[in-house]
């Protein structure tokens, strides 16, 4: 009898430890992220820094457009919250990146009527709209470059 109860406890323990991990479902993460974005958008105390310049061709000789990116952060802690990047060339791209606890949580890229969105949790894509894997790689790499530049300058 004692062996059966020990064996039963052992089997139940293995079942629960190997079973699916209980966590927030993607809808809850999306709602939390949307609430966080609203909070950032309404925060009037964030410091902003604007960088503007010219976009050049691959050789760097001819101007083909312009860019302007704005960084939103807490002046006291240097915590990064948002980066908005606007590139004007043959087409205009507006990209907005949101960060929470030094991690990218959401990005949106708009060009004309084309809107691409990506929601992330701990570096993993939770949800996306209108993106290919190449779009995702490009936008995530851009977000990392902007974040690294911000960290280097602040």
C-alpha atoms as a PDB file:
ATOM      1  CA  UNK A   1       0.000   0.000   0.000  1.00  0.00           C
ATOM      2  CA  UNK A   2       2.804   2.373   0.913  1.00  0.00           C
ATOM      3  CA  UNK A   3       4.548   1.671  -2.381  1.00  0.00           C
ATOM      4  CA  UNK A   4       1.376   2.427  -4.352  1.00  0.00           C
ATOM      5  CA  UNK A   5       0.949   5.828  -2.717  1.00  0.00           C
ATOM      6  CA  UNK A   6       4.613   6.730  -3.272  1.00  0.00           C
ATOM      7  CA  UNK A   7       4.374   5.592  -6.883  1.00  0.00           C
ATOM      8  CA  UNK A   8       1.145   7.564  -7.368  1.00  0.00           C
ATOM      9  CA  UNK A   9       2.724  10.734  -5.953  1.00  0.00           C
ATOM     10  CA  UNK A  10       5.781  10.216  -8.164  1.00  0.00           C
ATOM     11  CA  UNK A  11       3.686   9.754 -11.317  1.00  0.00           C
ATOM     12  CA  UNK A  12       1.552  12.808 -10.533  1.00  0.00           C
ATOM     13  CA  UNK A  13       4.703  14.882  -9.908  1.00  0.00           C
ATOM     14  CA  UNK A  14       6.215  13.819 -13.219  1.00  0.00           C
ATOM     15  CA  UNK A  15       2.964  14.528 -15.043  1.00  0.00           C
ATOM     16  CA  UNK A  16       2.716  18.086 -13.670  1.00  0.00           C
ATOM     17  CA  UNK A  17       6.397  18.911 -14.128  1.00  0.00           C
ATOM     18  CA  UNK A  18       6.418  17.768 -17.752  1.00  0.00           C
ATOM     19  CA  UNK A  19       3.003  19.143 -18.658  1.00  0.00           C
ATOM     20  CA  UNK A  20       2.358  22.438 -20.412  1.00  0.00           C
ATOM     21  CA  UNK A  21       3.499  25.508 -18.535  1.00  0.00           C
ATOM     22  CA  UNK A  22       0.729  27.691 -17.234  1.00  0.00           C
ATOM     23  CA  UNK A  23       1.179  31.301 -18.307  1.00  0.00           C
ATOM     24  CA  UNK A  24      -0.642  34.183 -19.835  1.00  0.00           C
ATOM     25  CA  UNK A  25      -2.354  33.400 -23.085  1.00  0.00           C
ATOM     26  CA  UNK A  26      -1.520  35.535 -26.088  1.00  0.00           C
ATOM     27  CA  UNK A  27      -4.775  37.547 -25.846  1.00  0.00           C
ATOM     28  CA  UNK A  28      -3.917  38.622 -22.303  1.00  0.00           C
ATOM     29  CA  UNK A  29      -0.398  39.585 -23.413  1.00  0.00           C
ATOM     30  CA  UNK A  30      -1.826  41.619 -26.305  1.00  0.00           C
ATOM     31  CA  UNK A  31      -4.233  43.437 -23.972  1.00  0.00           C
ATOM     32  CA  UNK A  32      -1.455  44.132 -21.450  1.00  0.00           C
ATOM     33  CA  UNK A  33       0.748  45.488 -24.239  1.00  0.00           C
ATOM     34  CA  UNK A  34      -2.036  47.706 -25.602  1.00  0.00           C
ATOM     35  CA  UNK A  35      -2.620  49.116 -22.119  1.00  0.00           C
ATOM     36  CA  UNK A  36       1.105  49.727 -21.726  1.00  0.00           C
ATOM     37  CA  UNK A  37       1.258  51.549 -25.084  1.00  0.00           C
ATOM     38  CA  UNK A  38      -1.660  53.776 -24.040  1.00  0.00           C
ATOM     39  CA  UNK A  39       0.171  54.583 -20.821  1.00  0.00           C
ATOM     40  CA  UNK A  40       3.342  55.542 -22.725  1.00  0.00           C
ATOM     41  CA  UNK A  41       1.373  57.655 -25.210  1.00  0.00           C
ATOM     42  CA  UNK A  42      -0.262  59.622 -22.401  1.00  0.00           C
ATOM     43  CA  UNK A  43       2.935  60.133 -20.356  1.00  0.00           C
ATOM     44  CA  UNK A  44       3.835  63.820 -20.685  1.00  0.00           C
ATOM     45  CA  UNK A  45       6.931  63.494 -18.482  1.00  0.00           C
ATOM     46  CA  UNK A  46       9.055  61.540 -20.936  1.00  0.00           C
ATOM     47  CA  UNK A  47      12.103  63.316 -22.314  1.00  0.00           C
ATOM     48  CA  UNK A  48      12.517  63.314 -26.086  1.00  0.00           C
ATOM     49  CA  UNK A  49      15.595  63.543 -28.263  1.00  0.00           C
ATOM     50  CA  UNK A  50      15.276  64.054 -32.009  1.00  0.00           C
ATOM     51  CA  UNK A  51      17.847  63.080 -34.618  1.00  0.00           C
ATOM     52  CA  UNK A  52      17.433  64.122 -38.260  1.00  0.00           C
ATOM     53  CA  UNK A  53      19.534  63.519 -41.330  1.00  0.00           C
ATOM     54  CA  UNK A  54      19.764  62.513 -44.953  1.00  0.00           C
ATOM     55  CA  UNK A  55      19.311  59.059 -46.425  1.00  0.00           C
ATOM     56  CA  UNK A  56      21.924  58.347 -49.073  1.00  0.00           C
ATOM     57  CA  UNK A  57      22.356  55.791 -51.800  1.00  0.00           C
ATOM     58  CA  UNK A  58      24.399  52.629 -51.192  1.00  0.00           C
ATOM     59  CA  UNK A  59      27.623  54.457 -52.120  1.00  0.00           C
ATOM     60  CA  UNK A  60      26.848  57.319 -49.748  1.00  0.00           C
ATOM     61  CA  UNK A  61      27.155  60.028 -52.406  1.00  0.00           C
ATOM     62  CA  UNK A  62      23.618  60.947 -53.415  1.00  0.00           C
ATOM     63  CA  UNK A  63      20.818  62.002 -51.072  1.00  0.00           C
ATOM     64  CA  UNK A  64      17.722  59.917 -51.714  1.00  0.00           C
ATOM     65  CA  UNK A  65      15.586  61.101 -48.815  1.00  0.00           C
ATOM     66  CA  UNK A  66      15.576  62.050 -45.168  1.00  0.00           C
ATOM     67  CA  UNK A  67      15.023  60.483 -41.774  1.00  0.00           C
ATOM     68  CA  UNK A  68      13.937  61.665 -38.370  1.00  0.00           C
ATOM     69  CA  UNK A  69      13.838  59.536 -35.290  1.00  0.00           C
ATOM     70  CA  UNK A  70      12.645  60.501 -31.869  1.00  0.00           C
ATOM     71  CA  UNK A  71      13.569  58.710 -28.670  1.00  0.00           C
ATOM     72  CA  UNK A  72      11.238  58.839 -25.626  1.00  0.00           C
ATOM     73  CA  UNK A  73      12.812  57.980 -22.279  1.00  0.00           C
ATOM     74  CA  UNK A  74      12.854  58.704 -18.556  1.00  0.00           C
ATOM     75  CA  UNK A  75      15.450  61.410 -17.960  1.00  0.00           C
ATOM     76  CA  UNK A  76      16.204  60.265 -14.394  1.00  0.00           C
ATOM     77  CA  UNK A  77      16.652  56.540 -15.018  1.00  0.00           C
ATOM     78  CA  UNK A  78      17.497  56.597 -18.753  1.00  0.00           C
ATOM     79  CA  UNK A  79      14.884  53.880 -19.272  1.00  0.00           C
ATOM     80  CA  UNK A  80      13.893  53.674 -22.924  1.00  0.00           C
ATOM     81  CA  UNK A  81      10.154  53.566 -23.668  1.00  0.00           C
ATOM     82  CA  UNK A  82       9.590  54.433 -27.326  1.00  0.00           C
ATOM     83  CA  UNK A  83      11.387  55.196 -30.574  1.00  0.00           C
ATOM     84  CA  UNK A  84       9.597  56.702 -33.557  1.00  0.00           C
ATOM     85  CA  UNK A  85      11.464  56.578 -36.867  1.00  0.00           C
ATOM     86  CA  UNK A  86      10.247  58.338 -40.024  1.00  0.00           C
ATOM     87  CA  UNK A  87      12.034  57.764 -43.339  1.00  0.00           C
ATOM     88  CA  UNK A  88      11.048  59.763 -46.401  1.00  0.00           C
ATOM     89  CA  UNK A  89      12.305  58.677 -49.803  1.00  0.00           C
ATOM     90  CA  UNK A  90      10.338  57.277 -52.734  1.00  0.00           C
ATOM     91  CA  UNK A  91       7.903  56.119 -50.019  1.00  0.00           C
ATOM     92  CA  UNK A  92       7.427  57.296 -46.466  1.00  0.00           C
ATOM     93  CA  UNK A  93       7.862  54.760 -43.671  1.00  0.00           C
ATOM     94  CA  UNK A  94       6.850  55.458 -40.084  1.00  0.00           C
ATOM     95  CA  UNK A  95       8.080  52.904 -37.578  1.00  0.00           C
ATOM     96  CA  UNK A  96       7.248  52.995 -33.885  1.00  0.00           C
ATOM     97  CA  UNK A  97       8.985  50.745 -31.369  1.00  0.00           C
ATOM     98  CA  UNK A  98       7.857  50.317 -27.743  1.00  0.00           C
ATOM     99  CA  UNK A  99      10.129  49.005 -25.001  1.00  0.00           C
ATOM    100  CA  UNK A 100       9.340  47.749 -21.505  1.00  0.00           C
ATOM    101  CA  UNK A 101      12.053  46.785 -19.022  1.00  0.00           C
ATOM    102  CA  UNK A 102      14.662  47.185 -21.774  1.00  0.00           C
ATOM    103  CA  UNK A 103      12.853  44.691 -24.038  1.00  0.00           C
ATOM    104  CA  UNK A 104      10.997  45.376 -27.280  1.00  0.00           C
ATOM    105  CA  UNK A 105       7.308  44.588 -26.726  1.00  0.00           C
ATOM    106  CA  UNK A 106       5.615  46.047 -29.809  1.00  0.00           C
ATOM    107  CA  UNK A 107       6.425  47.590 -33.133  1.00  0.00           C
ATOM    108  CA  UNK A 108       4.398  49.089 -35.935  1.00  0.00           C
ATOM    109  CA  UNK A 109       5.544  49.991 -39.432  1.00  0.00           C
ATOM    110  CA  UNK A 110       3.269  52.078 -41.648  1.00  0.00           C
ATOM    111  CA  UNK A 111       3.805  52.926 -45.308  1.00  0.00           C
ATOM    112  CA  UNK A 112       0.791  54.301 -47.129  1.00  0.00           C
ATOM    113  CA  UNK A 113      -2.078  51.913 -46.447  1.00  0.00           C
ATOM    114  CA  UNK A 114       0.282  49.053 -45.506  1.00  0.00           C
ATOM    115  CA  UNK A 115       0.515  48.545 -41.727  1.00  0.00           C
ATOM    116  CA  UNK A 116       2.697  45.868 -40.157  1.00  0.00           C
ATOM    117  CA  UNK A 117       2.594  45.063 -36.452  1.00  0.00           C
ATOM    118  CA  UNK A 118       4.523  42.720 -34.199  1.00  0.00           C
ATOM    119  CA  UNK A 119       3.836  41.963 -30.529  1.00  0.00           C
ATOM    120  CA  UNK A 120       6.678  40.386 -28.579  1.00  0.00           C
ATOM    121  CA  UNK A 121       7.219  38.783 -25.194  1.00  0.00           C
ATOM    122  CA  UNK A 122      10.794  38.099 -24.051  1.00  0.00           C
ATOM    123  CA  UNK A 123      12.089  38.431 -27.611  1.00  0.00           C
ATOM    124  CA  UNK A 124       9.567  36.027 -29.119  1.00  0.00           C
ATOM    125  CA  UNK A 125       6.867  37.043 -31.571  1.00  0.00           C
ATOM    126  CA  UNK A 126       3.463  36.537 -29.932  1.00  0.00           C
ATOM    127  CA  UNK A 127       1.356  38.027 -32.715  1.00  0.00           C
ATOM    128  CA  UNK A 128       1.975  39.728 -36.050  1.00  0.00           C
ATOM    129  CA  UNK A 129       0.017  41.354 -38.824  1.00  0.00           C
ATOM    130  CA  UNK A 130       1.057  41.622 -42.492  1.00  0.00           C
ATOM    131  CA  UNK A 131       4.690  40.604 -41.936  1.00  0.00           C
ATOM    132  CA  UNK A 132       6.902  38.024 -43.545  1.00  0.00           C
ATOM    133  CA  UNK A 133       9.806  36.451 -41.713  1.00  0.00           C
ATOM    134  CA  UNK A 134      12.103  38.810 -43.653  1.00  0.00           C
ATOM    135  CA  UNK A 135      10.056  41.842 -42.527  1.00  0.00           C
ATOM    136  CA  UNK A 136      10.280  40.628 -38.955  1.00  0.00           C
ATOM    137  CA  UNK A 137      14.052  40.146 -39.126  1.00  0.00           C
ATOM    138  CA  UNK A 138      14.560  43.581 -40.686  1.00  0.00           C
ATOM    139  CA  UNK A 139      12.322  45.414 -38.207  1.00  0.00           C
ATOM    140  CA  UNK A 140      13.717  43.575 -35.174  1.00  0.00           C
ATOM    141  CA  UNK A 141      17.293  44.259 -36.300  1.00  0.00           C
ATOM    142  CA  UNK A 142      16.421  47.949 -36.742  1.00  0.00           C
ATOM    143  CA  UNK A 143      14.900  48.083 -33.254  1.00  0.00           C
ATOM    144  CA  UNK A 144      18.059  46.554 -31.803  1.00  0.00           C
ATOM    145  CA  UNK A 145      20.267  49.073 -33.640  1.00  0.00           C
ATOM    146  CA  UNK A 146      18.183  51.986 -32.348  1.00  0.00           C
ATOM    147  CA  UNK A 147      18.238  50.574 -28.811  1.00  0.00           C
ATOM    148  CA  UNK A 148      22.021  50.070 -28.913  1.00  0.00           C
ATOM    149  CA  UNK A 149      22.528  53.616 -30.190  1.00  0.00           C
ATOM    150  CA  UNK A 150      20.344  54.964 -27.392  1.00  0.00           C
ATOM    151  CA  UNK A 151      22.226  52.958 -24.733  1.00  0.00           C
ATOM    152  CA  UNK A 152      25.567  54.103 -26.101  1.00  0.00           C
ATOM    153  CA  UNK A 153      24.551  57.765 -26.055  1.00  0.00           C
ATOM    154  CA  UNK A 154      22.807  57.728 -22.665  1.00  0.00           C
END
